[in-house]
Amino acid sequence: MSVEGRLAGALVVKRIAIMPGHSSSVPGASKNGVTEQPYNREVCNLVVGMLRDRGIAVFDAGTDELPLSYPEYLNKRIHEINAAEVDAAIEMHFNTDPSDSKNYVLCLHRSGDAPGRALAISLSARFGETFTEFGPRTFAAVDTEWGESKAFCRDIRCPAVVAEPCMITHPDIASWLVDDRPRAVEMLSLAYADGIEHWCIEQETPA
């Protein structure tokens, strides 16, 4: 949902933690000319700005670069997010799982986390809309309870989602990210921001 489409008076500002997956010392997956961490950071920067422009407070979990292993980096970020007392937390990644031959959008949450599931569904829907130009079967919006196996979802005290909206092992997607990077990053960032804003409104609107 765009800023113009917000429900008047329905949005109570929430504080959202946004964390880019990986760090400069552990840059994550690399395939077809795409390395995960720089894209994660670039999307994160745009999403933080977009959310703040919409009146949503943000805790940017990942502004400093630390020479840590990924488990150390992740544990430090989880501690910081829990201390920040946010209403929801999102970790941004790009997907490289070759077993996902049909579904290229993954939004993971833990079992029993109803608000987290709602956030995963909201994000998945916006990611699915973003990639319609690649054909209706290229992307399927998926929310899943596999998040129990992810430390980020398991150890964060608030509703938490690990989002992996791009399969960089898919040649067409990788080419889009490399050849049309500014547009690709902006489209992904808008999908994140719209999905988060929709979730905020949904949480405050009586059923």
N, C-alpha and C. Protein backbone atom coordinates (compact mmCIF):
# COMPACT_ATOMS: atom_id res chain seq x y z
N MET A 1 0.86 -1.20 0.00
CA MET A 1 0.00 0.00 0.00
C MET A 1 0.88 1.23 0.00
N SER A 2 0.56 2.14 -0.90
CA SER A 2 1.35 3.36 -0.99
C SER A 2 0.95 4.31 0.13
N VAL A 3 1.76 5.35 0.30
CA VAL A 3 1.48 6.34 1.32
C VAL A 3 0.13 7.00 1.07
N GLU A 4 -0.20 7.23 -0.22
CA GLU A 4 -1.47 7.88 -0.53
C GLU A 4 -2.65 6.98 -0.20
N GLY A 5 -2.42 5.66 -0.19
CA GLY A 5 -3.51 4.73 0.04
C GLY A 5 -3.71 4.33 1.48
N ARG A 6 -2.98 4.93 2.38
CA ARG A 6 -3.12 4.58 3.79
C ARG A 6 -4.52 4.86 4.30
N LEU A 7 -4.98 4.05 5.22
CA LEU A 7 -6.27 4.29 5.84
C LEU A 7 -6.14 5.44 6.83
N ALA A 8 -6.90 6.48 6.62
CA ALA A 8 -6.79 7.68 7.46
C ALA A 8 -7.05 7.34 8.91
N GLY A 9 -6.09 7.67 9.75
CA GLY A 9 -6.24 7.51 11.19
C GLY A 9 -6.04 6.09 11.70
N ALA A 10 -5.83 5.12 10.79
CA ALA A 10 -5.75 3.72 11.23
C ALA A 10 -4.36 3.32 11.69
N LEU A 11 -3.34 4.00 11.21
CA LEU A 11 -1.97 3.58 11.47
C LEU A 11 -1.45 4.19 12.76
N VAL A 12 -1.18 3.34 13.72
CA VAL A 12 -0.47 3.74 14.93
C VAL A 12 0.99 3.36 14.71
N VAL A 13 1.87 4.32 14.81
CA VAL A 13 3.27 4.09 14.47
C VAL A 13 3.85 2.99 15.36
N LYS A 14 4.50 2.04 14.73
CA LYS A 14 5.20 0.96 15.42
C LYS A 14 6.69 1.09 15.13
N ARG A 15 7.48 0.52 15.99
CA ARG A 15 8.93 0.51 15.77
C ARG A 15 9.33 -0.85 15.22
N ILE A 16 9.90 -0.83 14.05
CA ILE A 16 10.25 -2.04 13.34
C ILE A 16 11.77 -2.15 13.27
N ALA A 17 12.30 -3.32 13.56
CA ALA A 17 13.74 -3.56 13.39
C ALA A 17 13.98 -4.14 12.01
N ILE A 18 14.92 -3.54 11.28
CA ILE A 18 15.31 -4.01 9.95
C ILE A 18 16.78 -4.39 10.02
N MET A 19 17.07 -5.64 9.66
CA MET A 19 18.45 -6.12 9.73
C MET A 19 18.87 -6.71 8.39
N PRO A 20 19.92 -6.17 7.77
CA PRO A 20 20.43 -6.77 6.54
C PRO A 20 21.18 -8.06 6.86
N GLY A 21 20.86 -9.11 6.15
CA GLY A 21 21.55 -10.37 6.37
C GLY A 21 23.01 -10.29 5.96
N HIS A 22 23.86 -10.92 6.77
CA HIS A 22 25.30 -11.00 6.51
C HIS A 22 26.00 -9.66 6.75
N SER A 23 27.32 -9.71 6.67
CA SER A 23 28.13 -8.53 6.91
C SER A 23 29.26 -8.51 5.89
N SER A 24 30.04 -7.45 5.89
CA SER A 24 31.12 -7.35 4.90
C SER A 24 32.16 -8.45 5.08
N SER A 25 32.33 -8.93 6.31
CA SER A 25 33.30 -10.00 6.54
C SER A 25 32.73 -11.38 6.21
N VAL A 26 31.41 -11.50 6.21
CA VAL A 26 30.73 -12.75 5.82
C VAL A 26 29.62 -12.36 4.83
N PRO A 27 29.96 -12.18 3.55
CA PRO A 27 29.03 -11.54 2.61
C PRO A 27 27.89 -12.40 2.11
N GLY A 28 27.80 -13.65 2.55
CA GLY A 28 26.68 -14.49 2.15
C GLY A 28 26.86 -15.12 0.79
N ALA A 29 25.75 -15.50 0.19
CA ALA A 29 25.78 -16.22 -1.08
C ALA A 29 26.24 -15.33 -2.23
N SER A 30 26.84 -15.96 -3.22
CA SER A 30 27.27 -15.24 -4.43
C SER A 30 27.01 -16.14 -5.62
N LYS A 31 26.22 -15.64 -6.57
CA LYS A 31 25.87 -16.44 -7.74
C LYS A 31 25.47 -15.52 -8.87
N ASN A 32 25.87 -15.86 -10.06
CA ASN A 32 25.45 -15.13 -11.27
C ASN A 32 25.70 -13.63 -11.18
N GLY A 33 26.82 -13.26 -10.56
CA GLY A 33 27.19 -11.86 -10.49
C GLY A 33 26.55 -11.09 -9.34
N VAL A 34 25.80 -11.79 -8.49
CA VAL A 34 25.13 -11.15 -7.35
C VAL A 34 25.74 -11.68 -6.06
N THR A 35 26.25 -10.78 -5.23
CA THR A 35 26.70 -11.14 -3.88
C THR A 35 25.69 -10.56 -2.90
N GLU A 36 25.26 -11.39 -1.98
CA GLU A 36 24.11 -11.07 -1.14
C GLU A 36 24.26 -9.79 -0.31
N GLN A 37 25.34 -9.68 0.45
CA GLN A 37 25.42 -8.62 1.46
C GLN A 37 25.28 -7.20 0.91
N PRO A 38 25.97 -6.83 -0.17
CA PRO A 38 25.81 -5.45 -0.66
C PRO A 38 24.37 -5.13 -1.06
N TYR A 39 23.67 -6.10 -1.64
CA TYR A 39 22.27 -5.88 -2.00
C TYR A 39 21.41 -5.79 -0.75
N ASN A 40 21.66 -6.66 0.22
CA ASN A 40 20.90 -6.59 1.48
C ASN A 40 21.02 -5.21 2.11
N ARG A 41 22.26 -4.69 2.15
CA ARG A 41 22.50 -3.39 2.78
C ARG A 41 21.83 -2.27 1.99
N GLU A 42 21.91 -2.35 0.66
CA GLU A 42 21.34 -1.31 -0.18
C GLU A 42 19.81 -1.27 -0.03
N VAL A 43 19.18 -2.45 -0.05
CA VAL A 43 17.73 -2.52 0.14
C VAL A 43 17.36 -2.03 1.53
N CYS A 44 18.12 -2.46 2.53
CA CYS A 44 17.84 -2.05 3.91
C CYS A 44 17.85 -0.53 4.05
N ASN A 45 18.86 0.12 3.48
CA ASN A 45 18.95 1.58 3.57
C ASN A 45 17.72 2.25 2.99
N LEU A 46 17.26 1.77 1.83
CA LEU A 46 16.09 2.37 1.20
C LEU A 46 14.82 2.11 2.02
N VAL A 47 14.68 0.89 2.52
CA VAL A 47 13.48 0.55 3.29
C VAL A 47 13.39 1.39 4.56
N VAL A 48 14.52 1.54 5.24
CA VAL A 48 14.53 2.36 6.46
C VAL A 48 14.05 3.78 6.15
N GLY A 49 14.56 4.37 5.07
CA GLY A 49 14.14 5.71 4.69
C GLY A 49 12.67 5.78 4.30
N MET A 50 12.20 4.79 3.55
CA MET A 50 10.80 4.76 3.13
C MET A 50 9.86 4.65 4.32
N LEU A 51 10.20 3.79 5.26
CA LEU A 51 9.33 3.62 6.43
C LEU A 51 9.30 4.89 7.28
N ARG A 52 10.45 5.51 7.46
CA ARG A 52 10.49 6.75 8.25
C ARG A 52 9.69 7.85 7.56
N ASP A 53 9.74 7.89 6.24
CA ASP A 53 8.95 8.87 5.50
C ASP A 53 7.45 8.64 5.70
N ARG A 54 7.07 7.40 5.98
CA ARG A 54 5.66 7.07 6.18
C ARG A 54 5.25 7.18 7.66
N GLY A 55 6.15 7.64 8.49
CA GLY A 55 5.83 7.83 9.90
C GLY A 55 6.00 6.60 10.75
N ILE A 56 6.71 5.60 10.26
CA ILE A 56 6.95 4.37 11.01
C ILE A 56 8.36 4.41 11.58
N ALA A 57 8.47 4.30 12.88
CA ALA A 57 9.77 4.34 13.53
C ALA A 57 10.54 3.05 13.23
N VAL A 58 11.83 3.19 13.01
CA VAL A 58 12.66 2.05 12.61
C VAL A 58 13.91 1.96 13.47
N PHE A 59 14.25 0.73 13.86
CA PHE A 59 15.54 0.45 14.47
C PHE A 59 16.39 -0.24 13.40
N ASP A 60 17.41 0.45 12.92
CA ASP A 60 18.29 -0.08 11.87
C ASP A 60 19.35 -0.95 12.53
N ALA A 61 19.17 -2.25 12.47
CA ALA A 61 20.07 -3.20 13.13
C ALA A 61 21.12 -3.67 12.13
N GLY A 62 22.21 -2.95 12.04
CA GLY A 62 23.24 -3.35 11.10
C GLY A 62 23.98 -2.19 10.49
N THR A 63 24.03 -1.07 11.19
CA THR A 63 24.68 0.11 10.62
C THR A 63 26.20 0.04 10.73
N ASP A 64 26.71 -0.73 11.68
CA ASP A 64 28.16 -0.83 11.85
C ASP A 64 28.67 -2.12 11.23
N GLU A 65 29.87 -2.07 10.72
CA GLU A 65 30.51 -3.25 10.12
C GLU A 65 31.50 -3.83 11.11
N LEU A 66 31.30 -5.09 11.44
CA LEU A 66 32.13 -5.72 12.47
C LEU A 66 32.81 -6.96 11.91
N PRO A 67 34.09 -7.19 12.26
CA PRO A 67 34.81 -8.37 11.78
C PRO A 67 34.44 -9.61 12.60
N LEU A 68 33.20 -10.07 12.45
CA LEU A 68 32.70 -11.20 13.24
C LEU A 68 32.32 -12.35 12.32
N SER A 69 32.32 -13.56 12.86
CA SER A 69 31.74 -14.68 12.14
C SER A 69 30.24 -14.45 12.03
N TYR A 70 29.58 -15.18 11.12
CA TYR A 70 28.15 -14.92 10.98
C TYR A 70 27.36 -15.27 12.24
N PRO A 71 27.62 -16.39 12.92
CA PRO A 71 26.90 -16.65 14.18
C PRO A 71 27.12 -15.55 15.21
N GLU A 72 28.34 -15.02 15.30
CA GLU A 72 28.61 -13.92 16.24
C GLU A 72 27.86 -12.66 15.84
N TYR A 73 27.87 -12.36 14.54
CA TYR A 73 27.16 -11.20 14.02
C TYR A 73 25.66 -11.32 14.30
N LEU A 74 25.11 -12.50 14.01
CA LEU A 74 23.69 -12.72 14.19
C LEU A 74 23.30 -12.62 15.67
N ASN A 75 24.07 -13.24 16.54
CA ASN A 75 23.77 -13.19 17.97
C ASN A 75 23.83 -11.76 18.50
N LYS A 76 24.80 -10.99 18.03
CA LYS A 76 24.91 -9.60 18.46
C LYS A 76 23.68 -8.81 18.03
N ARG A 77 23.25 -9.00 16.79
CA ARG A 77 22.09 -8.28 16.28
C ARG A 77 20.82 -8.70 17.02
N ILE A 78 20.67 -9.97 17.30
CA ILE A 78 19.49 -10.44 18.03
C ILE A 78 19.44 -9.80 19.42
N HIS A 79 20.57 -9.73 20.09
CA HIS A 79 20.63 -9.08 21.41
C HIS A 79 20.24 -7.61 21.31
N GLU A 80 20.74 -6.93 20.28
CA GLU A 80 20.43 -5.51 20.11
C GLU A 80 18.94 -5.29 19.82
N ILE A 81 18.38 -6.15 19.00
CA ILE A 81 16.96 -6.01 18.64
C ILE A 81 16.08 -6.26 19.87
N ASN A 82 16.40 -7.30 20.64
CA ASN A 82 15.62 -7.57 21.84
C ASN A 82 15.72 -6.42 22.84
N ALA A 83 16.89 -5.82 22.95
CA ALA A 83 17.07 -4.69 23.87
C ALA A 83 16.33 -3.45 23.38
N ALA A 84 16.10 -3.34 22.08
CA ALA A 84 15.45 -2.16 21.51
C ALA A 84 13.94 -2.17 21.71
N GLU A 85 13.37 -3.30 22.11
CA GLU A 85 11.94 -3.41 22.39
C GLU A 85 11.09 -2.95 21.20
N VAL A 86 11.33 -3.58 20.07
CA VAL A 86 10.59 -3.26 18.85
C VAL A 86 9.33 -4.13 18.77
N ASP A 87 8.45 -3.76 17.84
CA ASP A 87 7.19 -4.49 17.66
C ASP A 87 7.28 -5.63 16.66
N ALA A 88 8.28 -5.59 15.81
CA ALA A 88 8.51 -6.65 14.83
C ALA A 88 9.92 -6.50 14.30
N ALA A 89 10.45 -7.60 13.77
CA ALA A 89 11.82 -7.59 13.25
C ALA A 89 11.88 -8.38 11.95
N ILE A 90 12.66 -7.87 11.00
CA ILE A 90 12.80 -8.51 9.69
C ILE A 90 14.27 -8.62 9.36
N GLU A 91 14.70 -9.81 8.97
CA GLU A 91 16.06 -10.02 8.47
C GLU A 91 15.99 -10.23 6.96
N MET A 92 16.78 -9.46 6.22
CA MET A 92 16.73 -9.47 4.77
C MET A 92 17.81 -10.37 4.18
N HIS A 93 17.39 -11.23 3.26
CA HIS A 93 18.32 -12.13 2.56
C HIS A 93 17.91 -12.24 1.10
N PHE A 94 18.77 -12.93 0.33
CA PHE A 94 18.43 -13.37 -1.01
C PHE A 94 18.52 -14.89 -1.00
N ASN A 95 17.65 -15.56 -1.72
CA ASN A 95 17.53 -17.01 -1.64
C ASN A 95 18.41 -17.70 -2.69
N THR A 96 19.11 -18.75 -2.25
CA THR A 96 19.92 -19.54 -3.19
C THR A 96 19.67 -21.03 -3.05
N ASP A 97 18.59 -21.41 -2.40
CA ASP A 97 18.32 -22.83 -2.16
C ASP A 97 17.89 -23.50 -3.46
N PRO A 98 18.71 -24.40 -4.02
CA PRO A 98 18.37 -25.01 -5.31
C PRO A 98 17.15 -25.92 -5.22
N SER A 99 16.74 -26.32 -4.00
CA SER A 99 15.57 -27.18 -3.87
C SER A 99 14.28 -26.43 -4.16
N ASP A 100 14.34 -25.10 -4.10
CA ASP A 100 13.16 -24.29 -4.38
C ASP A 100 13.05 -24.03 -5.88
N SER A 101 12.70 -25.06 -6.62
CA SER A 101 12.67 -24.93 -8.07
C SER A 101 11.43 -24.19 -8.56
N LYS A 102 10.40 -24.07 -7.72
CA LYS A 102 9.17 -23.40 -8.14
C LYS A 102 8.88 -22.14 -7.35
N ASN A 103 9.26 -22.11 -6.10
CA ASN A 103 8.91 -20.99 -5.23
C ASN A 103 10.14 -20.16 -4.92
N TYR A 104 10.12 -18.90 -5.33
CA TYR A 104 11.30 -18.08 -5.20
C TYR A 104 11.15 -16.98 -4.16
N VAL A 105 10.01 -16.96 -3.49
CA VAL A 105 9.81 -16.00 -2.42
C VAL A 105 9.58 -16.77 -1.13
N LEU A 106 10.45 -16.60 -0.18
CA LEU A 106 10.31 -17.25 1.12
C LEU A 106 10.27 -16.19 2.21
N CYS A 107 9.25 -16.27 3.06
CA CYS A 107 9.17 -15.42 4.24
C CYS A 107 8.95 -16.35 5.43
N LEU A 108 9.98 -16.55 6.21
CA LEU A 108 9.97 -17.55 7.27
C LEU A 108 9.56 -16.93 8.60
N HIS A 109 8.77 -17.66 9.36
CA HIS A 109 8.38 -17.23 10.70
C HIS A 109 8.32 -18.46 11.59
N ARG A 110 8.22 -18.28 12.89
CA ARG A 110 8.18 -19.42 13.79
C ARG A 110 6.73 -19.87 14.03
N SER A 111 6.58 -21.12 14.35
CA SER A 111 5.28 -21.69 14.61
C SER A 111 4.63 -21.01 15.81
N GLY A 112 3.35 -20.68 15.69
CA GLY A 112 2.62 -20.07 16.79
C GLY A 112 2.75 -18.56 16.86
N ASP A 113 3.55 -17.97 15.99
CA ASP A 113 3.73 -16.52 15.98
C ASP A 113 2.72 -15.94 15.00
N ALA A 114 1.49 -15.69 15.49
CA ALA A 114 0.42 -15.23 14.59
C ALA A 114 0.72 -13.87 13.96
N PRO A 115 1.20 -12.87 14.73
CA PRO A 115 1.56 -11.61 14.07
C PRO A 115 2.71 -11.77 13.08
N GLY A 116 3.68 -12.63 13.42
CA GLY A 116 4.78 -12.89 12.50
C GLY A 116 4.28 -13.55 11.22
N ARG A 117 3.34 -14.46 11.36
CA ARG A 117 2.75 -15.10 10.18
C ARG A 117 2.04 -14.06 9.32
N ALA A 118 1.30 -13.15 9.97
CA ALA A 118 0.60 -12.10 9.22
C ALA A 118 1.59 -11.20 8.48
N LEU A 119 2.72 -10.90 9.12
CA LEU A 119 3.74 -10.09 8.47
C LEU A 119 4.36 -10.85 7.31
N ALA A 120 4.62 -12.15 7.49
CA ALA A 120 5.18 -12.96 6.41
C ALA A 120 4.23 -13.00 5.21
N ILE A 121 2.93 -13.13 5.47
CA ILE A 121 1.95 -13.17 4.39
C ILE A 121 1.89 -11.82 3.68
N SER A 122 1.91 -10.74 4.46
CA SER A 122 1.86 -9.39 3.86
C SER A 122 3.07 -9.14 2.97
N LEU A 123 4.25 -9.50 3.45
CA LEU A 123 5.46 -9.33 2.65
C LEU A 123 5.43 -10.22 1.41
N SER A 124 5.03 -11.48 1.60
CA SER A 124 4.99 -12.42 0.47
C SER A 124 4.10 -11.91 -0.64
N ALA A 125 2.94 -11.35 -0.27
CA ALA A 125 2.00 -10.84 -1.27
C ALA A 125 2.63 -9.72 -2.07
N ARG A 126 3.33 -8.81 -1.40
CA ARG A 126 3.96 -7.68 -2.11
C ARG A 126 5.11 -8.15 -2.97
N PHE A 127 5.89 -9.12 -2.50
CA PHE A 127 6.96 -9.65 -3.33
C PHE A 127 6.38 -10.33 -4.58
N GLY A 128 5.29 -11.08 -4.39
CA GLY A 128 4.66 -11.74 -5.52
C GLY A 128 4.21 -10.74 -6.58
N GLU A 129 3.65 -9.60 -6.13
CA GLU A 129 3.23 -8.54 -7.06
C GLU A 129 4.43 -7.93 -7.78
N THR A 130 5.54 -7.81 -7.08
CA THR A 130 6.74 -7.20 -7.65
C THR A 130 7.27 -7.98 -8.84
N PHE A 131 7.14 -9.30 -8.78
CA PHE A 131 7.79 -10.14 -9.79
C PHE A 131 6.84 -10.67 -10.86
N THR A 132 5.67 -10.04 -11.01
CA THR A 132 4.73 -10.53 -12.01
C THR A 132 5.29 -10.43 -13.42
N GLU A 133 6.21 -9.51 -13.66
CA GLU A 133 6.76 -9.35 -15.01
C GLU A 133 7.57 -10.56 -15.45
N PHE A 134 7.94 -11.42 -14.50
CA PHE A 134 8.69 -12.62 -14.86
C PHE A 134 7.76 -13.79 -15.18
N GLY A 135 6.46 -13.56 -15.16
CA GLY A 135 5.50 -14.62 -15.47
C GLY A 135 4.84 -15.14 -14.21
N PRO A 136 3.59 -15.56 -14.31
CA PRO A 136 2.84 -15.95 -13.12
C PRO A 136 3.38 -17.18 -12.41
N ARG A 137 4.16 -18.01 -13.10
CA ARG A 137 4.67 -19.23 -12.47
C ARG A 137 6.11 -19.08 -11.98
N THR A 138 6.74 -17.99 -12.30
CA THR A 138 8.12 -17.82 -11.87
C THR A 138 8.22 -17.60 -10.36
N PHE A 139 7.26 -16.85 -9.82
CA PHE A 139 7.28 -16.55 -8.40
C PHE A 139 5.99 -16.99 -7.74
N ALA A 140 6.11 -17.59 -6.59
CA ALA A 140 4.95 -17.92 -5.78
C ALA A 140 5.20 -17.38 -4.38
N ALA A 141 4.24 -16.63 -3.88
CA ALA A 141 4.40 -16.07 -2.54
C ALA A 141 4.20 -17.17 -1.51
N VAL A 142 5.16 -17.37 -0.66
CA VAL A 142 5.15 -18.48 0.29
C VAL A 142 5.40 -17.96 1.69
N ASP A 143 4.56 -18.37 2.62
CA ASP A 143 4.91 -18.18 4.02
C ASP A 143 5.00 -19.56 4.63
N THR A 144 5.88 -19.74 5.58
CA THR A 144 6.17 -21.07 6.09
C THR A 144 6.57 -21.03 7.55
N GLU A 145 6.42 -22.12 8.22
CA GLU A 145 6.82 -22.22 9.62
C GLU A 145 8.24 -22.78 9.77
N TRP A 146 8.98 -22.88 8.69
CA TRP A 146 10.37 -23.34 8.77
C TRP A 146 11.21 -22.40 9.62
N GLY A 147 10.68 -21.24 9.91
CA GLY A 147 11.43 -20.26 10.68
C GLY A 147 11.90 -20.75 12.04
N GLU A 148 11.29 -21.83 12.54
CA GLU A 148 11.74 -22.37 13.83
C GLU A 148 13.20 -22.78 13.78
N SER A 149 13.68 -23.14 12.60
CA SER A 149 15.08 -23.56 12.49
C SER A 149 16.02 -22.39 12.32
N LYS A 150 15.49 -21.18 12.19
CA LYS A 150 16.30 -19.98 11.99
C LYS A 150 16.49 -19.27 13.33
N ALA A 151 17.72 -19.03 13.72
CA ALA A 151 17.99 -18.39 15.01
C ALA A 151 17.31 -17.04 15.12
N PHE A 152 17.24 -16.31 14.02
CA PHE A 152 16.63 -14.98 14.04
C PHE A 152 15.18 -15.07 14.47
N CYS A 153 14.42 -15.97 13.85
CA CYS A 153 13.02 -16.13 14.22
C CYS A 153 12.88 -16.76 15.62
N ARG A 154 13.73 -17.70 15.92
CA ARG A 154 13.60 -18.44 17.18
C ARG A 154 13.92 -17.59 18.39
N ASP A 155 14.94 -16.72 18.29
CA ASP A 155 15.46 -16.05 19.47
C ASP A 155 15.01 -14.60 19.63
N ILE A 156 14.41 -14.03 18.59
CA ILE A 156 13.84 -12.68 18.72
C ILE A 156 12.55 -12.78 19.52
N ARG A 157 12.36 -11.88 20.49
CA ARG A 157 11.19 -11.97 21.36
C ARG A 157 9.92 -11.44 20.73
N CYS A 158 10.02 -10.55 19.75
CA CYS A 158 8.84 -9.99 19.08
C CYS A 158 8.54 -10.82 17.83
N PRO A 159 7.42 -10.55 17.14
CA PRO A 159 7.18 -11.19 15.85
C PRO A 159 8.37 -10.98 14.91
N ALA A 160 8.81 -12.05 14.26
CA ALA A 160 10.04 -11.98 13.47
C ALA A 160 9.88 -12.76 12.17
N VAL A 161 10.48 -12.21 11.11
CA VAL A 161 10.41 -12.82 9.78
C VAL A 161 11.79 -12.77 9.14
N VAL A 162 12.20 -13.89 8.55
CA VAL A 162 13.36 -13.92 7.67
C VAL A 162 12.83 -13.89 6.24
N ALA A 163 13.14 -12.84 5.50
CA ALA A 163 12.62 -12.66 4.14
C ALA A 163 13.71 -12.94 3.12
N GLU A 164 13.38 -13.80 2.14
CA GLU A 164 14.31 -14.14 1.06
C GLU A 164 13.55 -14.02 -0.26
N PRO A 165 13.39 -12.79 -0.76
CA PRO A 165 12.51 -12.58 -1.91
C PRO A 165 13.11 -12.82 -3.28
N CYS A 166 14.38 -13.11 -3.38
CA CYS A 166 14.99 -13.27 -4.70
C CYS A 166 15.81 -14.55 -4.77
N MET A 167 15.55 -15.36 -5.80
CA MET A 167 16.36 -16.54 -6.07
C MET A 167 17.48 -16.16 -7.02
N ILE A 168 18.68 -15.88 -6.48
CA ILE A 168 19.75 -15.39 -7.34
C ILE A 168 20.40 -16.50 -8.17
N THR A 169 20.02 -17.77 -7.90
CA THR A 169 20.45 -18.85 -8.78
C THR A 169 19.60 -18.91 -10.05
N HIS A 170 18.50 -18.15 -10.07
CA HIS A 170 17.64 -18.09 -11.26
C HIS A 170 18.25 -17.07 -12.23
N PRO A 171 18.68 -17.48 -13.42
CA PRO A 171 19.41 -16.56 -14.32
C PRO A 171 18.66 -15.28 -14.64
N ASP A 172 17.34 -15.37 -14.87
CA ASP A 172 16.58 -14.17 -15.22
C ASP A 172 16.55 -13.17 -14.07
N ILE A 173 16.41 -13.68 -12.86
CA ILE A 173 16.37 -12.81 -11.69
C ILE A 173 17.74 -12.17 -11.45
N ALA A 174 18.77 -12.97 -11.57
CA ALA A 174 20.12 -12.45 -11.37
C ALA A 174 20.44 -11.37 -12.41
N SER A 175 20.05 -11.62 -13.66
CA SER A 175 20.29 -10.62 -14.71
C SER A 175 19.56 -9.32 -14.41
N TRP A 176 18.33 -9.44 -13.93
CA TRP A 176 17.55 -8.25 -13.55
C TRP A 176 18.26 -7.46 -12.46
N LEU A 177 18.75 -8.16 -11.45
CA LEU A 177 19.43 -7.50 -10.34
C LEU A 177 20.73 -6.82 -10.78
N VAL A 178 21.45 -7.45 -11.71
CA VAL A 178 22.74 -6.91 -12.15
C VAL A 178 22.55 -5.81 -13.19
N ASP A 179 21.71 -6.08 -14.20
CA ASP A 179 21.59 -5.16 -15.35
C ASP A 179 20.70 -3.96 -15.07
N ASP A 180 19.77 -4.11 -14.14
CA ASP A 180 18.83 -3.02 -13.85
C ASP A 180 18.81 -2.78 -12.33
N ARG A 181 20.02 -2.69 -11.78
CA ARG A 181 20.15 -2.67 -10.32
C ARG A 181 19.36 -1.56 -9.62
N PRO A 182 19.44 -0.30 -10.06
CA PRO A 182 18.68 0.74 -9.33
C PRO A 182 17.19 0.46 -9.27
N ARG A 183 16.62 0.05 -10.41
CA ARG A 183 15.18 -0.23 -10.45
C ARG A 183 14.87 -1.47 -9.62
N ALA A 184 15.69 -2.50 -9.72
CA ALA A 184 15.44 -3.74 -8.98
C ALA A 184 15.46 -3.48 -7.47
N VAL A 185 16.47 -2.75 -7.02
CA VAL A 185 16.59 -2.45 -5.60
C VAL A 185 15.41 -1.60 -5.12
N GLU A 186 15.02 -0.62 -5.95
CA GLU A 186 13.88 0.22 -5.56
C GLU A 186 12.59 -0.60 -5.49
N MET A 187 12.37 -1.48 -6.45
CA MET A 187 11.16 -2.30 -6.45
C MET A 187 11.11 -3.22 -5.24
N LEU A 188 12.23 -3.85 -4.92
CA LEU A 188 12.28 -4.70 -3.73
C LEU A 188 12.03 -3.90 -2.47
N SER A 189 12.62 -2.71 -2.40
CA SER A 189 12.46 -1.88 -1.21
C SER A 189 11.01 -1.43 -1.04
N LEU A 190 10.36 -1.07 -2.14
CA LEU A 190 8.95 -0.69 -2.08
C LEU A 190 8.09 -1.85 -1.62
N ALA A 191 8.41 -3.06 -2.08
CA ALA A 191 7.65 -4.23 -1.65
C ALA A 191 7.78 -4.44 -0.15
N TYR A 192 8.99 -4.32 0.37
CA TYR A 192 9.20 -4.41 1.82
C TYR A 192 8.39 -3.33 2.55
N ALA A 193 8.54 -2.08 2.12
CA ALA A 193 7.89 -0.97 2.81
C ALA A 193 6.37 -1.09 2.76
N ASP A 194 5.84 -1.46 1.59
CA ASP A 194 4.39 -1.60 1.47
C ASP A 194 3.87 -2.75 2.33
N GLY A 195 4.61 -3.86 2.34
CA GLY A 195 4.19 -5.01 3.14
C GLY A 195 4.21 -4.70 4.63
N ILE A 196 5.23 -3.98 5.08
CA ILE A 196 5.32 -3.62 6.49
C ILE A 196 4.22 -2.63 6.86
N GLU A 197 4.01 -1.63 6.01
CA GLU A 197 2.96 -0.64 6.30
C GLU A 197 1.59 -1.30 6.36
N HIS A 198 1.31 -2.19 5.41
CA HIS A 198 0.04 -2.91 5.42
C HIS A 198 -0.12 -3.69 6.72
N TRP A 199 0.93 -4.35 7.16
CA TRP A 199 0.87 -5.11 8.41
C TRP A 199 0.59 -4.20 9.60
N CYS A 200 1.23 -3.03 9.64
CA CYS A 200 0.99 -2.09 10.74
C CYS A 200 -0.48 -1.69 10.80
N ILE A 201 -1.05 -1.38 9.65
CA ILE A 201 -2.46 -0.99 9.59
C ILE A 201 -3.35 -2.17 10.01
N GLU A 202 -3.01 -3.35 9.50
CA GLU A 202 -3.79 -4.55 9.81
C GLU A 202 -3.81 -4.85 11.30
N GLN A 203 -2.68 -4.64 11.97
CA GLN A 203 -2.60 -4.92 13.40
C GLN A 203 -3.45 -3.95 14.22
N GLU A 204 -3.67 -2.74 13.70
CA GLU A 204 -4.40 -1.73 14.45
C GLU A 204 -5.86 -1.59 14.03
N THR A 205 -6.26 -2.33 12.99
CA THR A 205 -7.63 -2.24 12.50
C THR A 205 -8.44 -3.38 13.11
N PRO A 206 -9.55 -3.10 13.80
CA PRO A 206 -10.37 -4.16 14.41
C PRO A 206 -10.84 -5.16 13.36
N ALA A 207 -10.82 -6.43 13.74
CA ALA A 207 -11.26 -7.47 12.81
C ALA A 207 -12.77 -7.39 12.57
